[in-house]
Protein backbone atom coordinates (compact mmCIF):
# COMPACT_ATOMS: atom_id res chain seq x y z
CA UNK A 1 -5.31 162.56 238.46
CA UNK A 2 -7.65 165.54 238.55
CA UNK A 3 -9.91 163.89 235.95
CA UNK A 4 -11.15 161.51 238.70
CA UNK A 5 -12.47 164.47 240.64
CA UNK A 6 -14.14 165.72 237.44
CA UNK A 7 -15.88 162.35 237.20
CA UNK A 8 -16.86 162.39 240.86
CA UNK A 9 -18.19 165.94 240.57
CA UNK A 10 -20.67 164.62 237.99
CA UNK A 11 -22.31 162.71 240.82
CA UNK A 12 -23.02 163.69 244.37
CA UNK A 13 -20.01 161.75 245.61
CA UNK A 14 -17.55 163.98 247.44
CA UNK A 15 -14.37 164.67 245.43
CA UNK A 16 -11.04 163.15 246.52
CA UNK A 17 -8.92 165.13 248.94
CA UNK A 18 -5.61 166.71 247.99
CA UNK A 19 -3.74 164.03 249.97
CA UNK A 20 -5.53 161.22 248.12
CA UNK A 21 -4.75 162.75 244.73
CA UNK A 22 -1.09 163.21 245.75
CA UNK A 23 -0.90 159.56 246.84
CA UNK A 24 -2.25 158.46 243.47
CA UNK A 25 0.33 160.58 241.61
CA UNK A 26 3.19 159.27 243.75
CA UNK A 27 2.13 155.68 243.08
CA UNK A 28 1.98 156.31 239.35
CA UNK A 29 5.42 157.95 239.30
CA UNK A 30 7.27 155.27 241.28
CA UNK A 31 8.23 153.38 238.11
CA UNK A 32 11.43 154.74 236.50
CA UNK A 33 11.58 155.88 232.89
CA UNK A 34 12.94 152.49 231.86
CA UNK A 35 10.04 150.55 233.46
CA UNK A 36 9.60 147.08 232.09
CA UNK A 37 6.50 145.80 230.31
CA UNK A 38 5.26 144.16 233.52
CA UNK A 39 5.38 147.42 235.46
CA UNK A 40 3.62 149.35 232.71
CA UNK A 41 0.89 146.71 232.66
CA UNK A 42 0.38 147.06 236.43
CA UNK A 43 0.11 150.83 236.11
CA UNK A 44 -2.35 150.59 233.24
CA UNK A 45 -4.56 148.09 235.06
CA UNK A 46 -4.52 150.18 238.21
CA UNK A 47 -5.47 153.36 236.35
CA UNK A 48 -8.24 151.54 234.48
CA UNK A 49 -9.54 150.25 237.79
CA UNK A 50 -9.59 153.75 239.25
CA UNK A 51 -11.37 155.11 236.17
CA UNK A 52 -13.88 152.30 236.47
CA UNK A 53 -14.49 153.19 240.09
CA UNK A 54 -15.10 156.78 239.05
CA UNK A 55 -17.60 155.67 236.41
CA UNK A 56 -19.31 153.42 238.92
CA UNK A 57 -19.53 156.40 241.23
CA UNK A 58 -21.55 158.20 238.54
CA UNK A 59 -23.97 155.30 238.34
CA UNK A 60 -24.29 154.70 242.06
CA UNK A 61 -26.88 156.62 243.99
CA UNK A 62 -26.39 160.09 245.35
CA UNK A 63 -26.24 159.04 248.94
CA UNK A 64 -23.31 160.15 251.06
CA UNK A 65 -22.77 156.55 252.19
CA UNK A 66 -22.18 155.50 248.59
CA UNK A 67 -19.72 158.34 248.15
CA UNK A 68 -17.83 157.33 251.26
CA UNK A 69 -17.69 153.74 250.01
CA UNK A 70 -16.23 154.78 246.65
CA UNK A 71 -13.64 156.98 248.32
CA UNK A 72 -12.68 154.14 250.63
CA UNK A 73 -12.25 151.82 247.64
CA UNK A 74 -10.09 154.36 245.85
CA UNK A 75 -7.92 154.86 248.94
CA UNK A 76 -7.43 151.09 249.32
CA UNK A 77 -6.49 150.75 245.64
CA UNK A 78 -3.97 153.58 246.00
CA UNK A 79 -2.29 151.93 248.98
CA UNK A 80 -2.24 148.54 247.24
CA UNK A 81 -0.71 150.01 244.09
CA UNK A 82 2.04 151.72 246.08
CA UNK A 83 2.78 148.48 247.96
CA UNK A 84 2.96 146.38 244.78
CA UNK A 85 5.24 148.83 243.00
CA UNK A 86 7.49 149.23 246.04
CA UNK A 87 7.82 145.45 246.43
CA UNK A 88 8.50 144.91 242.73
CA UNK A 89 11.24 147.52 242.39
CA UNK A 90 12.75 146.70 245.78
CA UNK A 91 13.04 143.00 244.90
CA UNK A 92 14.46 143.84 241.49
CA UNK A 93 17.15 146.05 243.06
CA UNK A 94 18.16 143.35 245.55
CA UNK A 95 18.35 140.75 242.78
CA UNK A 96 20.55 142.96 240.61
CA UNK A 97 22.83 143.70 243.57
CA UNK A 98 23.21 140.02 244.44
CA UNK A 99 24.03 138.95 240.93
CA UNK A 100 26.22 141.95 240.16
CA UNK A 101 27.82 142.66 236.81
CA UNK A 102 28.80 139.63 234.73
CA UNK A 103 32.38 138.68 235.27
CA UNK A 104 34.82 138.10 232.46
CA UNK A 105 36.60 134.74 232.69
CA UNK A 106 40.31 135.16 233.18
CA UNK A 107 42.81 133.33 231.09
CA UNK A 108 45.45 131.56 233.18
CA UNK A 109 48.94 132.86 232.60
CA UNK A 110 51.11 130.11 231.10
CA UNK A 111 53.95 129.07 233.36
CA UNK A 112 57.30 129.35 231.67
CA UNK A 113 59.57 126.47 232.28
CA UNK A 114 62.90 127.55 233.67
CA UNK A 115 65.78 125.58 232.15
CA UNK A 116 67.78 123.62 234.66
CA UNK A 117 71.31 124.51 235.56
CA UNK A 118 73.83 123.61 232.85
CA UNK A 119 75.45 120.22 233.24
CA UNK A 120 78.91 120.61 234.82
CA UNK A 121 81.84 120.15 232.48
CA UNK A 122 83.64 116.84 232.38
CA UNK A 123 87.05 116.76 233.98
CA UNK A 124 90.04 115.34 232.11
CA UNK A 125 91.72 112.08 233.17
CA UNK A 126 94.97 112.61 235.06
CA UNK A 127 98.03 110.60 236.06
CA UNK A 128 98.33 108.85 232.68
CA UNK A 129 101.06 106.18 232.62
CA UNK A 130 101.96 103.60 229.95
CA UNK A 131 103.75 100.25 230.40
CA UNK A 132 104.56 97.42 228.06
CA UNK A 133 101.78 94.92 227.81
CA UNK A 134 101.92 91.13 228.24
CA UNK A 135 101.92 90.49 224.51
CA UNK A 136 104.02 91.79 221.60
CA UNK A 137 103.02 95.20 220.28
CA UNK A 138 100.78 96.01 223.26
CA UNK A 139 100.87 98.72 225.95
CA UNK A 140 98.73 99.00 229.09
CA UNK A 141 97.66 102.58 229.90
CA UNK A 142 96.58 103.47 233.43
CA UNK A 143 94.94 106.78 234.47
CA UNK A 144 92.85 108.42 237.19
CA UNK A 145 89.22 108.63 236.19
CA UNK A 146 87.63 112.07 236.60
CA UNK A 147 84.62 112.66 238.86
CA UNK A 148 81.37 113.30 236.97
CA UNK A 149 78.68 115.06 239.12
CA UNK A 150 75.93 113.96 236.72
CA UNK A 151 76.67 110.29 237.41
CA UNK A 152 76.43 109.33 233.73
CA UNK A 153 78.76 106.68 232.30
CA UNK A 154 82.04 107.86 230.79
CA UNK A 155 83.74 106.22 227.84
CA UNK A 156 87.53 106.42 227.61
CA UNK A 157 89.55 106.12 224.42
CA UNK A 158 93.34 105.78 224.65
CA UNK A 159 95.18 106.90 221.51
CA UNK A 160 98.84 106.46 220.68
CA UNK A 161 101.11 109.16 219.30
CA UNK A 162 102.26 108.54 216.62
CA UNK A 163 100.25 106.19 214.39
CA UNK A 164 96.95 106.68 216.25
CA UNK A 165 96.45 103.18 217.58
CA UNK A 166 93.65 103.13 220.12
CA UNK A 167 91.80 101.12 222.72
CA UNK A 168 88.44 101.84 224.37
CA UNK A 169 86.92 101.06 227.74
CA UNK A 170 84.82 102.45 230.58
CA UNK A 171 87.44 102.11 233.27
CA UNK A 172 91.22 102.19 233.78
CA UNK A 173 93.41 100.44 232.69
CA UNK A 174 93.00 100.11 228.92
CA UNK A 175 95.23 98.06 226.61
CA UNK A 176 96.32 99.32 223.21
CA UNK A 177 97.46 96.66 220.72
CA UNK A 178 98.98 96.58 217.23
CA UNK A 179 101.92 98.80 218.09
CA UNK A 180 105.21 98.55 216.17
CA UNK A 181 108.01 96.76 217.98
CA UNK A 182 110.83 99.07 219.07
CA UNK A 183 108.77 102.27 218.45
CA UNK A 184 108.45 104.89 221.16
CA UNK A 185 104.87 106.00 221.90
CA UNK A 186 103.04 108.53 224.03
CA UNK A 187 99.38 108.08 224.95
CA UNK A 188 96.51 110.45 225.61
CA UNK A 189 93.16 109.50 227.22
CA UNK A 190 89.99 110.99 225.71
CA UNK A 191 86.95 111.03 228.05
CA UNK A 192 83.42 111.36 226.60
CA UNK A 193 80.10 111.59 228.51
CA UNK A 194 76.43 112.32 227.80
CA UNK A 195 75.54 115.72 226.38
CA UNK A 196 78.59 115.88 224.16
CA UNK A 197 80.95 116.59 227.05
CA UNK A 198 84.55 115.68 226.34
CA UNK A 199 87.97 116.10 227.88
CA UNK A 200 91.50 115.05 226.92
CA UNK A 201 94.38 114.22 229.26
CA UNK A 202 97.96 115.31 229.03
CA UNK A 203 100.24 112.80 227.21
CA UNK A 204 101.95 110.05 229.12
CA UNK A 205 105.67 109.53 229.25
CA UNK A 206 107.22 107.63 226.30
CA UNK A 207 107.23 103.85 226.28
CA UNK A 208 108.81 101.51 223.69
CA UNK A 209 106.63 98.69 222.55
CA UNK A 210 108.22 95.21 222.17
């Protein structure tokens, strides 16, 4: 900033004091190295204004009053420049702090479905008994139905041993027909429920069909 004093020395205007020159230098250095285009423009305009004041000082008369006026103008410009720069960088810092660094959107973690508890096994029918039926070649098979915790329907199939004659139903008793007269048979009850669950009873005592 010493060139301003060189300009002022060309006239009879008193040179700037050391404090005034230091204030000018501090105002010019307040912008960081990465100053934006707007800040550089402000600095350039301010410096051009100060140079213009110095040139005007050369053209103004030699009176001491004129010199005091020019120095007063330069001092006011210095204070204004420092205020503008301080406000600009202070506001910019507050804005950056408020906004903070951009956040990266998080991807929600998919929720894994936990398989339910396995369906309880199906119990086998118990207490299987066989008696001659009301018609020829028929036998009525009675049994105790198992408890199914799932509550799904159970289908029962009664099969003869030997020959494999069968009858089907959803409840006890079940009648098996087509049996040979005078032949001894045993019967098993097959239970089947949803999910492929199955169970087979123990055989009944022998019974002779009529």
